[in-house]
């Protein structure tokens, strides 16, 4: 899942914690905290743990995931539309070829 890395970092710094201290309090590894703050990648459980110790709402941290879902849906619609249009055109061409050679 996509996590807003800047919100996590800002909340951590507001508490005066290092990445290691945040990891200790949330029972997450230092590497996990580093990955979240640099790449914004983490599981739902990781997000829940961070929200609990940083006193954040999950909706604040997951803002980017909605946009990603919309992009995936948009791509899916275009693939389906393209496939249907391609099939229709292939059918028309095939019919014209059969009619011409009959």
PDB file of N, CA and C in Angstrom:
ATOM      1  N   UNK A   1       0.840  -1.171   0.000  1.00  0.00           N
ATOM      2  CA  UNK A   1       0.000   0.000   0.000  1.00  0.00           C
ATOM      3  C   UNK A   1       0.883   1.231   0.000  1.00  0.00           C
ATOM      4  N   UNK A   2       0.376   2.319  -0.539  1.00  0.00           N
ATOM      5  CA  UNK A   2       1.121   3.572  -0.604  1.00  0.00           C
ATOM      6  C   UNK A   2       0.834   4.380   0.663  1.00  0.00           C
ATOM      7  N   UNK A   3       1.912   4.811   1.310  1.00  0.00           N
ATOM      8  CA  UNK A   3       1.811   5.599   2.544  1.00  0.00           C
ATOM      9  C   UNK A   3       2.437   6.960   2.286  1.00  0.00           C
ATOM     10  N   UNK A   4       1.810   8.019   2.777  1.00  0.00           N
ATOM     11  CA  UNK A   4       2.343   9.373   2.619  1.00  0.00           C
ATOM     12  C   UNK A   4       3.584   9.518   3.499  1.00  0.00           C
ATOM     13  N   UNK A   5       4.747   9.370   2.885  1.00  0.00           N
ATOM     14  CA  UNK A   5       6.020   9.361   3.615  1.00  0.00           C
ATOM     15  C   UNK A   5       6.274  10.675   4.340  1.00  0.00           C
ATOM     16  N   UNK A   6       5.897  11.784   3.727  1.00  0.00           N
ATOM     17  CA  UNK A   6       6.161  13.089   4.354  1.00  0.00           C
ATOM     18  C   UNK A   6       5.360  13.266   5.640  1.00  0.00           C
ATOM     19  N   UNK A   7       4.133  12.756   5.672  1.00  0.00           N
ATOM     20  CA  UNK A   7       3.326  12.861   6.900  1.00  0.00           C
ATOM     21  C   UNK A   7       3.944  12.054   8.035  1.00  0.00           C
ATOM     22  N   UNK A   8       4.431  10.857   7.702  1.00  0.00           N
ATOM     23  CA  UNK A   8       5.067  10.010   8.718  1.00  0.00           C
ATOM     24  C   UNK A   8       6.322  10.703   9.247  1.00  0.00           C
ATOM     25  N   UNK A   9       7.136  11.199   8.343  1.00  0.00           N
ATOM     26  CA  UNK A   9       8.381  11.868   8.740  1.00  0.00           C
ATOM     27  C   UNK A   9       8.087  13.104   9.591  1.00  0.00           C
ATOM     28  N   UNK A  10       7.123  13.936   9.157  1.00  0.00           N
ATOM     29  CA  UNK A  10       6.770  15.147   9.915  1.00  0.00           C
ATOM     30  C   UNK A  10       6.286  14.799  11.317  1.00  0.00           C
ATOM     31  N   UNK A  11       5.437  13.785  11.427  1.00  0.00           N
ATOM     32  CA  UNK A  11       4.905  13.387  12.736  1.00  0.00           C
ATOM     33  C   UNK A  11       6.023  12.854  13.632  1.00  0.00           C
ATOM     34  N   UNK A  12       6.942  12.096  13.049  1.00  0.00           N
ATOM     35  CA  UNK A  12       8.078  11.564  13.818  1.00  0.00           C
ATOM     36  C   UNK A  12       8.952  12.707  14.329  1.00  0.00           C
ATOM     37  N   UNK A  13       9.275  13.652  13.458  1.00  0.00           N
ATOM     38  CA  UNK A  13      10.121  14.778  13.848  1.00  0.00           C
ATOM     39  C   UNK A  13       9.425  15.675  14.869  1.00  0.00           C
ATOM     40  N   UNK A  14       8.096  15.810  14.753  1.00  0.00           N
ATOM     41  CA  UNK A  14       7.342  16.622  15.718  1.00  0.00           C
ATOM     42  C   UNK A  14       7.450  16.037  17.130  1.00  0.00           C
ATOM     43  N   UNK A  15       7.589  14.717  17.217  1.00  0.00           N
ATOM     44  CA  UNK A  15       7.750  14.071  18.526  1.00  0.00           C
ATOM     45  C   UNK A  15       9.215  14.047  18.963  1.00  0.00           C
ATOM     46  N   UNK A  16      10.105  14.479  18.070  1.00  0.00           N
ATOM     47  CA  UNK A  16      11.524  14.502  18.408  1.00  0.00           C
ATOM     48  C   UNK A  16      12.181  13.135  18.389  1.00  0.00           C
ATOM     49  N   UNK A  17      11.616  12.202  17.626  1.00  0.00           N
ATOM     50  CA  UNK A  17      12.124  10.840  17.579  1.00  0.00           C
ATOM     51  C   UNK A  17      13.047  10.641  16.382  1.00  0.00           C
ATOM     52  N   UNK A  18      14.015   9.757  16.554  1.00  0.00           N
ATOM     53  CA  UNK A  18      14.812   9.281  15.425  1.00  0.00           C
ATOM     54  C   UNK A  18      14.032   8.152  14.757  1.00  0.00           C
ATOM     55  N   UNK A  19      14.511   7.722  13.598  1.00  0.00           N
ATOM     56  CA  UNK A  19      13.874   6.581  12.942  1.00  0.00           C
ATOM     57  C   UNK A  19      13.971   5.336  13.824  1.00  0.00           C
ATOM     58  N   UNK A  20      15.091   5.168  14.488  1.00  0.00           N
ATOM     59  CA  UNK A  20      15.270   4.007  15.370  1.00  0.00           C
ATOM     60  C   UNK A  20      14.285   4.050  16.532  1.00  0.00           C
ATOM     61  N   UNK A  21      14.090   5.229  17.122  1.00  0.00           N
ATOM     62  CA  UNK A  21      13.149   5.354  18.238  1.00  0.00           C
ATOM     63  C   UNK A  21      11.722   5.058  17.781  1.00  0.00           C
ATOM     64  N   UNK A  22      11.351   5.545  16.597  1.00  0.00           N
ATOM     65  CA  UNK A  22      10.016   5.242  16.065  1.00  0.00           C
ATOM     66  C   UNK A  22       9.870   3.740  15.854  1.00  0.00           C
ATOM     67  N   UNK A  23      10.905   3.105  15.341  1.00  0.00           N
ATOM     68  CA  UNK A  23      10.872   1.656  15.157  1.00  0.00           C
ATOM     69  C   UNK A  23      10.699   0.918  16.474  1.00  0.00           C
ATOM     70  N   UNK A  24      11.412   1.359  17.501  1.00  0.00           N
ATOM     71  CA  UNK A  24      11.311   0.710  18.814  1.00  0.00           C
ATOM     72  C   UNK A  24       9.914   0.853  19.406  1.00  0.00           C
ATOM     73  N   UNK A  25       9.364   2.057  19.340  1.00  0.00           N
ATOM     74  CA  UNK A  25       8.040   2.314  19.926  1.00  0.00           C
ATOM     75  C   UNK A  25       6.943   1.562  19.172  1.00  0.00           C
ATOM     76  N   UNK A  26       7.081   1.480  17.849  1.00  0.00           N
ATOM     77  CA  UNK A  26       6.041   0.843  17.030  1.00  0.00           C
ATOM     78  C   UNK A  26       6.292  -0.649  16.809  1.00  0.00           C
ATOM     79  N   UNK A  27       7.387  -1.169  17.340  1.00  0.00           N
ATOM     80  CA  UNK A  27       7.831  -2.559  17.154  1.00  0.00           C
ATOM     81  C   UNK A  27       8.063  -2.902  15.679  1.00  0.00           C
ATOM     82  N   UNK A  28       8.488  -1.903  14.906  1.00  0.00           N
ATOM     83  CA  UNK A  28       8.860  -2.108  13.507  1.00  0.00           C
ATOM     84  C   UNK A  28      10.375  -1.985  13.397  1.00  0.00           C
ATOM     85  N   UNK A  29      10.943  -2.598  12.394  1.00  0.00           N
ATOM     86  CA  UNK A  29      12.396  -2.530  12.230  1.00  0.00           C
ATOM     87  C   UNK A  29      12.814  -1.165  11.690  1.00  0.00           C
ATOM     88  N   UNK A  30      14.061  -0.823  11.928  1.00  0.00           N
ATOM     89  CA  UNK A  30      14.613   0.416  11.390  1.00  0.00           C
ATOM     90  C   UNK A  30      14.507   0.415   9.875  1.00  0.00           C
ATOM     91  N   UNK A  31      14.789  -0.711   9.246  1.00  0.00           N
ATOM     92  CA  UNK A  31      14.711  -0.815   7.781  1.00  0.00           C
ATOM     93  C   UNK A  31      13.298  -0.522   7.279  1.00  0.00           C
ATOM     94  N   UNK A  32      12.279  -0.977   7.996  1.00  0.00           N
ATOM     95  CA  UNK A  32      10.893  -0.704   7.605  1.00  0.00           C
ATOM     96  C   UNK A  32      10.603   0.788   7.678  1.00  0.00           C
ATOM     97  N   UNK A  33      11.039   1.435   8.750  1.00  0.00           N
ATOM     98  CA  UNK A  33      10.830   2.880   8.893  1.00  0.00           C
ATOM     99  C   UNK A  33      11.548   3.624   7.770  1.00  0.00           C
ATOM    100  N   UNK A  34      12.774   3.217   7.467  1.00  0.00           N
ATOM    101  CA  UNK A  34      13.530   3.857   6.387  1.00  0.00           C
ATOM    102  C   UNK A  34      12.825   3.692   5.046  1.00  0.00           C
ATOM    103  N   UNK A  35      12.312   2.490   4.775  1.00  0.00           N
ATOM    104  CA  UNK A  35      11.619   2.231   3.511  1.00  0.00           C
ATOM    105  C   UNK A  35      10.360   3.079   3.393  1.00  0.00           C
ATOM    106  N   UNK A  36       9.617   3.192   4.479  1.00  0.00           N
ATOM    107  CA  UNK A  36       8.386   3.977   4.449  1.00  0.00           C
ATOM    108  C   UNK A  36       8.701   5.450   4.197  1.00  0.00           C
ATOM    109  N   UNK A  37       9.705   5.981   4.884  1.00  0.00           N
ATOM    110  CA  UNK A  37      10.028   7.397   4.728  1.00  0.00           C
ATOM    111  C   UNK A  37      10.691   7.718   3.389  1.00  0.00           C
ATOM    112  N   UNK A  38      11.335   6.740   2.770  1.00  0.00           N
ATOM    113  CA  UNK A  38      11.985   7.022   1.490  1.00  0.00           C
ATOM    114  C   UNK A  38      11.119   6.643   0.288  1.00  0.00           C
ATOM    115  N   UNK A  39      10.370   5.538   0.390  1.00  0.00           N
ATOM    116  CA  UNK A  39       9.599   5.042  -0.749  1.00  0.00           C
ATOM    117  C   UNK A  39       8.089   5.115  -0.561  1.00  0.00           C
ATOM    118  N   UNK A  40       7.636   5.258   0.678  1.00  0.00           N
ATOM    119  CA  UNK A  40       6.200   5.289   0.932  1.00  0.00           C
ATOM    120  C   UNK A  40       5.530   3.933   0.775  1.00  0.00           C
ATOM    121  N   UNK A  41       6.280   2.842   0.925  1.00  0.00           N
ATOM    122  CA  UNK A  41       5.737   1.495   0.778  1.00  0.00           C
ATOM    123  C   UNK A  41       5.616   0.819   2.133  1.00  0.00           C
ATOM    124  N   UNK A  42       4.457   0.212   2.395  1.00  0.00           N
ATOM    125  CA  UNK A  42       4.262  -0.507   3.647  1.00  0.00           C
ATOM    126  C   UNK A  42       2.960  -1.280   3.632  1.00  0.00           C
ATOM    127  N   UNK A  43       2.829  -2.206   4.546  1.00  0.00           N
ATOM    128  CA  UNK A  43       1.608  -3.010   4.638  1.00  0.00           C
ATOM    129  C   UNK A  43       0.558  -2.277   5.479  1.00  0.00           C
ATOM    130  N   UNK A  44      -0.643  -2.812   5.483  1.00  0.00           N
ATOM    131  CA  UNK A  44      -1.727  -2.247   6.288  1.00  0.00           C
ATOM    132  C   UNK A  44      -1.375  -2.324   7.773  1.00  0.00           C
ATOM    133  N   UNK A  45      -0.762  -3.433   8.190  1.00  0.00           N
ATOM    134  CA  UNK A  45      -0.371  -3.593   9.594  1.00  0.00           C
ATOM    135  C   UNK A  45       0.670  -2.551   9.995  1.00  0.00           C
ATOM    136  N   UNK A  46       1.617  -2.300   9.102  1.00  0.00           N
ATOM    137  CA  UNK A  46       2.639  -1.281   9.353  1.00  0.00           C
ATOM    138  C   UNK A  46       1.998   0.092   9.481  1.00  0.00           C
ATOM    139  N   UNK A  47       1.087   0.390   8.588  1.00  0.00           N
ATOM    140  CA  UNK A  47       0.378   1.672   8.624  1.00  0.00           C
ATOM    141  C   UNK A  47      -0.389   1.824   9.935  1.00  0.00           C
ATOM    142  N   UNK A  48      -1.067   0.773  10.353  1.00  0.00           N
ATOM    143  CA  UNK A  48      -1.825   0.817  11.609  1.00  0.00           C
ATOM    144  C   UNK A  48      -0.913   1.059  12.804  1.00  0.00           C
ATOM    145  N   UNK A  49       0.241   0.383  12.824  1.00  0.00           N
ATOM    146  CA  UNK A  49       1.184   0.545  13.936  1.00  0.00           C
ATOM    147  C   UNK A  49       1.712   1.973  13.999  1.00  0.00           C
ATOM    148  N   UNK A  50       2.061   2.525  12.843  1.00  0.00           N
ATOM    149  CA  UNK A  50       2.580   3.897  12.811  1.00  0.00           C
ATOM    150  C   UNK A  50       1.511   4.914  13.209  1.00  0.00           C
ATOM    151  N   UNK A  51       0.305   4.718  12.707  1.00  0.00           N
ATOM    152  CA  UNK A  51      -0.784   5.642  13.055  1.00  0.00           C
ATOM    153  C   UNK A  51      -1.059   5.623  14.554  1.00  0.00           C
ATOM    154  N   UNK A  52      -0.972   4.459  15.153  1.00  0.00           N
ATOM    155  CA  UNK A  52      -1.236   4.344  16.591  1.00  0.00           C
ATOM    156  C   UNK A  52      -0.204   5.112  17.409  1.00  0.00           C
ATOM    157  N   UNK A  53       1.078   4.931  17.117  1.00  0.00           N
ATOM    158  CA  UNK A  53       2.107   5.584  17.936  1.00  0.00           C
ATOM    159  C   UNK A  53       2.293   7.057  17.586  1.00  0.00           C
ATOM    160  N   UNK A  54       2.000   7.433  16.340  1.00  0.00           N
ATOM    161  CA  UNK A  54       2.156   8.835  15.940  1.00  0.00           C
ATOM    162  C   UNK A  54       0.867   9.639  16.113  1.00  0.00           C
ATOM    163  N   UNK A  55      -0.199   8.953  16.548  1.00  0.00           N
ATOM    164  CA  UNK A  55      -1.501   9.577  16.778  1.00  0.00           C
ATOM    165  C   UNK A  55      -2.029  10.255  15.514  1.00  0.00           C
ATOM    166  N   UNK A  56      -2.023   9.477  14.421  1.00  0.00           N
ATOM    167  CA  UNK A  56      -2.539   9.936  13.136  1.00  0.00           C
ATOM    168  C   UNK A  56      -3.737   9.082  12.738  1.00  0.00           C
ATOM    169  N   UNK A  57      -4.610   9.642  11.927  1.00  0.00           N
ATOM    170  CA  UNK A  57      -5.713   8.867  11.354  1.00  0.00           C
ATOM    171  C   UNK A  57      -5.198   8.153  10.110  1.00  0.00           C
ATOM    172  N   UNK A  58      -5.651   6.929   9.903  1.00  0.00           N
ATOM    173  CA  UNK A  58      -5.197   6.165   8.744  1.00  0.00           C
ATOM    174  C   UNK A  58      -5.551   6.875   7.434  1.00  0.00           C
ATOM    175  N   UNK A  59      -6.691   7.535   7.377  1.00  0.00           N
ATOM    176  CA  UNK A  59      -7.101   8.237   6.156  1.00  0.00           C
ATOM    177  C   UNK A  59      -6.121   9.347   5.778  1.00  0.00           C
ATOM    178  N   UNK A  60      -5.503   9.983   6.777  1.00  0.00           N
ATOM    179  CA  UNK A  60      -4.516  11.035   6.503  1.00  0.00           C
ATOM    180  C   UNK A  60      -3.294  10.472   5.791  1.00  0.00           C
ATOM    181  N   UNK A  61      -2.922   9.267   6.150  1.00  0.00           N
ATOM    182  CA  UNK A  61      -1.685   8.662   5.672  1.00  0.00           C
ATOM    183  C   UNK A  61      -1.884   7.947   4.337  1.00  0.00           C
ATOM    184  N   UNK A  62      -3.106   7.506   4.028  1.00  0.00           N
ATOM    185  CA  UNK A  62      -3.377   6.711   2.835  1.00  0.00           C
ATOM    186  C   UNK A  62      -3.927   7.524   1.668  1.00  0.00           C
ATOM    187  N   UNK A  63      -3.763   8.799   1.647  1.00  0.00           N
ATOM    188  CA  UNK A  63      -4.360   9.649   0.616  1.00  0.00           C
ATOM    189  C   UNK A  63      -3.964   9.214  -0.787  1.00  0.00           C
ATOM    190  N   UNK A  64      -2.718   8.862  -1.006  1.00  0.00           N
ATOM    191  CA  UNK A  64      -2.226   8.541  -2.347  1.00  0.00           C
ATOM    192  C   UNK A  64      -2.810   7.250  -2.909  1.00  0.00           C
ATOM    193  N   UNK A  65      -3.261   6.333  -2.080  1.00  0.00           N
ATOM    194  CA  UNK A  65      -3.731   5.048  -2.586  1.00  0.00           C
ATOM    195  C   UNK A  65      -5.006   5.179  -3.412  1.00  0.00           C
ATOM    196  N   UNK A  66      -5.843   6.168  -3.123  1.00  0.00           N
ATOM    197  CA  UNK A  66      -7.056   6.368  -3.915  1.00  0.00           C
ATOM    198  C   UNK A  66      -6.711   6.745  -5.340  1.00  0.00           C
ATOM    199  N   UNK A  67      -5.758   7.639  -5.517  1.00  0.00           N
ATOM    200  CA  UNK A  67      -5.358   8.067  -6.856  1.00  0.00           C
ATOM    201  C   UNK A  67      -4.798   6.890  -7.646  1.00  0.00           C
ATOM    202  N   UNK A  68      -4.036   6.034  -7.004  1.00  0.00           N
ATOM    203  CA  UNK A  68      -3.469   4.874  -7.670  1.00  0.00           C
ATOM    204  C   UNK A  68      -4.588   3.944  -8.137  1.00  0.00           C
ATOM    205  N   UNK A  69      -5.613   3.735  -7.318  1.00  0.00           N
ATOM    206  CA  UNK A  69      -6.739   2.892  -7.698  1.00  0.00           C
ATOM    207  C   UNK A  69      -7.484   3.449  -8.891  1.00  0.00           C
ATOM    208  N   UNK A  70      -7.639   4.771  -8.957  1.00  0.00           N
ATOM    209  CA  UNK A  70      -8.313   5.402 -10.086  1.00  0.00           C
ATOM    210  C   UNK A  70      -7.534   5.206 -11.370  1.00  0.00           C
ATOM    211  N   UNK A  71      -6.218   5.281 -11.313  1.00  0.00           N
ATOM    212  CA  UNK A  71      -5.389   5.078 -12.498  1.00  0.00           C
ATOM    213  C   UNK A  71      -5.537   3.651 -12.996  1.00  0.00           C
ATOM    214  N   UNK A  72      -5.516   2.678 -12.079  1.00  0.00           N
ATOM    215  CA  UNK A  72      -5.664   1.279 -12.477  1.00  0.00           C
ATOM    216  C   UNK A  72      -7.028   1.043 -13.123  1.00  0.00           C
ATOM    217  N   UNK A  73      -8.085   1.630 -12.575  1.00  0.00           N
ATOM    218  CA  UNK A  73      -9.422   1.475 -13.140  1.00  0.00           C
ATOM    219  C   UNK A  73      -9.488   2.087 -14.523  1.00  0.00           C
ATOM    220  N   UNK A  74      -8.871   3.237 -14.692  1.00  0.00           N
ATOM    221  CA  UNK A  74      -8.861   3.926 -15.973  1.00  0.00           C
ATOM    222  C   UNK A  74      -8.163   3.088 -17.039  1.00  0.00           C
ATOM    223  N   UNK A  75      -7.043   2.490 -16.690  1.00  0.00           N
ATOM    224  CA  UNK A  75      -6.310   1.647 -17.637  1.00  0.00           C
ATOM    225  C   UNK A  75      -7.150   0.437 -18.020  1.00  0.00           C
ATOM    226  N   UNK A  76      -7.832  -0.151 -17.045  1.00  0.00           N
ATOM    227  CA  UNK A  76      -8.669  -1.322 -17.303  1.00  0.00           C
ATOM    228  C   UNK A  76      -9.775  -0.982 -18.309  1.00  0.00           C
ATOM    229  N   UNK A  77     -10.394   0.177 -18.157  1.00  0.00           N
ATOM    230  CA  UNK A  77     -11.463   0.602 -19.070  1.00  0.00           C
ATOM    231  C   UNK A  77     -10.921   0.742 -20.486  1.00  0.00           C
ATOM    232  N   UNK A  78      -9.743   1.345 -20.630  1.00  0.00           N
ATOM    233  CA  UNK A  78      -9.151   1.527 -21.961  1.00  0.00           C
ATOM    234  C   UNK A  78      -8.788   0.194 -22.604  1.00  0.00           C
ATOM    235  N   UNK A  79      -8.307  -0.747 -21.834  1.00  0.00           N
ATOM    236  CA  UNK A  79      -7.954  -2.061 -22.380  1.00  0.00           C
ATOM    237  C   UNK A  79      -9.207  -2.775 -22.877  1.00  0.00           C
ATOM    238  N   UNK A  80     -10.260  -2.750 -22.099  1.00  0.00           N
ATOM    239  CA  UNK A  80     -11.514  -3.401 -22.501  1.00  0.00           C
ATOM    240  C   UNK A  80     -12.092  -2.729 -23.739  1.00  0.00           C
ATOM    241  N   UNK A  81     -12.113  -1.402 -23.752  1.00  0.00           N
ATOM    242  CA  UNK A  81     -12.641  -0.662 -24.901  1.00  0.00           C
ATOM    243  C   UNK A  81     -11.829  -0.964 -26.156  1.00  0.00           C
ATOM    244  N   UNK A  82     -10.512  -0.965 -26.032  1.00  0.00           N
ATOM    245  CA  UNK A  82      -9.646  -1.259 -27.173  1.00  0.00           C
ATOM    246  C   UNK A  82      -9.852  -2.664 -27.703  1.00  0.00           C
ATOM    247  N   UNK A  83     -10.017  -3.611 -26.805  1.00  0.00           N
ATOM    248  CA  UNK A  83     -10.235  -5.000 -27.211  1.00  0.00           C
ATOM    249  C   UNK A  83     -11.557  -5.147 -27.962  1.00  0.00           C
ATOM    250  N   UNK A  84     -12.605  -4.536 -27.446  1.00  0.00           N
ATOM    251  CA  UNK A  84     -13.908  -4.610 -28.115  1.00  0.00           C
ATOM    252  C   UNK A  84     -13.869  -3.942 -29.486  1.00  0.00           C
ATOM    253  N   UNK A  85     -13.258  -2.782 -29.567  1.00  0.00           N
ATOM    254  CA  UNK A  85     -13.160  -2.070 -30.836  1.00  0.00           C
ATOM    255  C   UNK A  85     -12.327  -2.870 -31.838  1.00  0.00           C
ATOM    256  N   UNK A  86     -11.218  -3.441 -31.378  1.00  0.00           N
ATOM    257  CA  UNK A  86     -10.379  -4.268 -32.252  1.00  0.00           C
ATOM    258  C   UNK A  86     -11.130  -5.484 -32.764  1.00  0.00           C
ATOM    259  N   UNK A  87     -11.892  -6.128 -31.905  1.00  0.00           N
ATOM    260  CA  UNK A  87     -12.683  -7.282 -32.314  1.00  0.00           C
ATOM    261  C   UNK A  87     -13.748  -6.918 -33.331  1.00  0.00           C
ATOM    262  N   UNK A  88     -14.389  -5.781 -33.122  1.00  0.00           N
ATOM    263  CA  UNK A  88     -15.417  -5.315 -34.057  1.00  0.00           C
ATOM    264  C   UNK A  88     -14.804  -5.048 -35.430  1.00  0.00           C
ATOM    265  N   UNK A  89     -13.687  -4.326 -35.446  1.00  0.00           N
ATOM    266  CA  UNK A  89     -13.030  -4.014 -36.720  1.00  0.00           C
ATOM    267  C   UNK A  89     -12.540  -5.279 -37.423  1.00  0.00           C
ATOM    268  N   UNK A  90     -12.018  -6.229 -36.682  1.00  0.00           N
ATOM    269  CA  UNK A  90     -11.573  -7.493 -37.276  1.00  0.00           C
ATOM    270  C   UNK A  90     -12.759  -8.227 -37.896  1.00  0.00           C
ATOM    271  N   UNK A  91     -13.909  -8.196 -37.234  1.00  0.00           N
ATOM    272  CA  UNK A  91     -15.113  -8.831 -37.770  1.00  0.00           C
ATOM    273  C   UNK A  91     -15.574  -8.183 -39.061  1.00  0.00           C
ATOM    274  N   UNK A  92     -15.529  -6.852 -39.111  1.00  0.00           N
ATOM    275  CA  UNK A  92     -15.931  -6.127 -40.324  1.00  0.00           C
ATOM    276  C   UNK A  92     -14.986  -6.468 -41.473  1.00  0.00           C
ATOM    277  N   UNK A  93     -13.685  -6.430 -41.216  1.00  0.00           N
ATOM    278  CA  UNK A  93     -12.700  -6.739 -42.265  1.00  0.00           C
ATOM    279  C   UNK A  93     -12.870  -8.179 -42.740  1.00  0.00           C
ATOM    280  N   UNK A  94     -13.047  -9.113 -41.831  1.00  0.00           N
ATOM    281  CA  UNK A  94     -13.226 -10.517 -42.192  1.00  0.00           C
ATOM    282  C   UNK A  94     -14.474 -10.691 -43.065  1.00  0.00           C
ATOM    283  N   UNK A  95     -15.559 -10.016 -42.704  1.00  0.00           N
ATOM    284  CA  UNK A  95     -16.802 -10.093 -43.479  1.00  0.00           C
ATOM    285  C   UNK A  95     -16.598  -9.530 -44.882  1.00  0.00           C
ATOM    286  N   UNK A  96     -15.902  -8.414 -44.999  1.00  0.00           N
ATOM    287  CA  UNK A  96     -15.644  -7.815 -46.315  1.00  0.00           C
ATOM    288  C   UNK A  96     -14.779  -8.730 -47.182  1.00  0.00           C
ATOM    289  N   UNK A  97     -13.794  -9.366 -46.581  1.00  0.00           N
ATOM    290  CA  UNK A  97     -12.925 -10.275 -47.339  1.00  0.00           C
ATOM    291  C   UNK A  97     -13.717 -11.470 -47.841  1.00  0.00           C
ATOM    292  N   UNK A  98     -14.549 -12.054 -46.987  1.00  0.00           N
ATOM    293  CA  UNK A  98     -15.361 -13.210 -47.394  1.00  0.00           C
ATOM    294  C   UNK A  98     -16.335 -12.802 -48.496  1.00  0.00           C
ATOM    295  N   UNK A  99     -16.964 -11.640 -48.367  1.00  0.00           N
ATOM    296  CA  UNK A  99     -17.919 -11.157 -49.367  1.00  0.00           C
ATOM    297  C   UNK A  99     -17.213 -10.906 -50.701  1.00  0.00           C
ATOM    298  N   UNK A 100     -16.038 -10.347 -50.669  1.00  0.00           N
ATOM    299  CA  UNK A 100     -15.296 -10.014 -51.882  1.00  0.00           C
ATOM    300  C   UNK A 100     -14.879 -11.265 -52.650  1.00  0.00           C
ATOM    301  N   UNK A 101     -14.432 -12.310 -51.935  1.00  0.00           N
ATOM    302  CA  UNK A 101     -13.946 -13.518 -52.590  1.00  0.00           C
ATOM    303  C   UNK A 101     -15.040 -14.555 -52.843  1.00  0.00           C
ATOM    304  N   UNK A 102     -16.276 -14.270 -52.512  1.00  0.00           N
ATOM    305  CA  UNK A 102     -17.360 -15.237 -52.734  1.00  0.00           C
ATOM    306  C   UNK A 102     -18.009 -15.060 -54.072  1.00  0.00           C
TER     307      UNK A 102
END
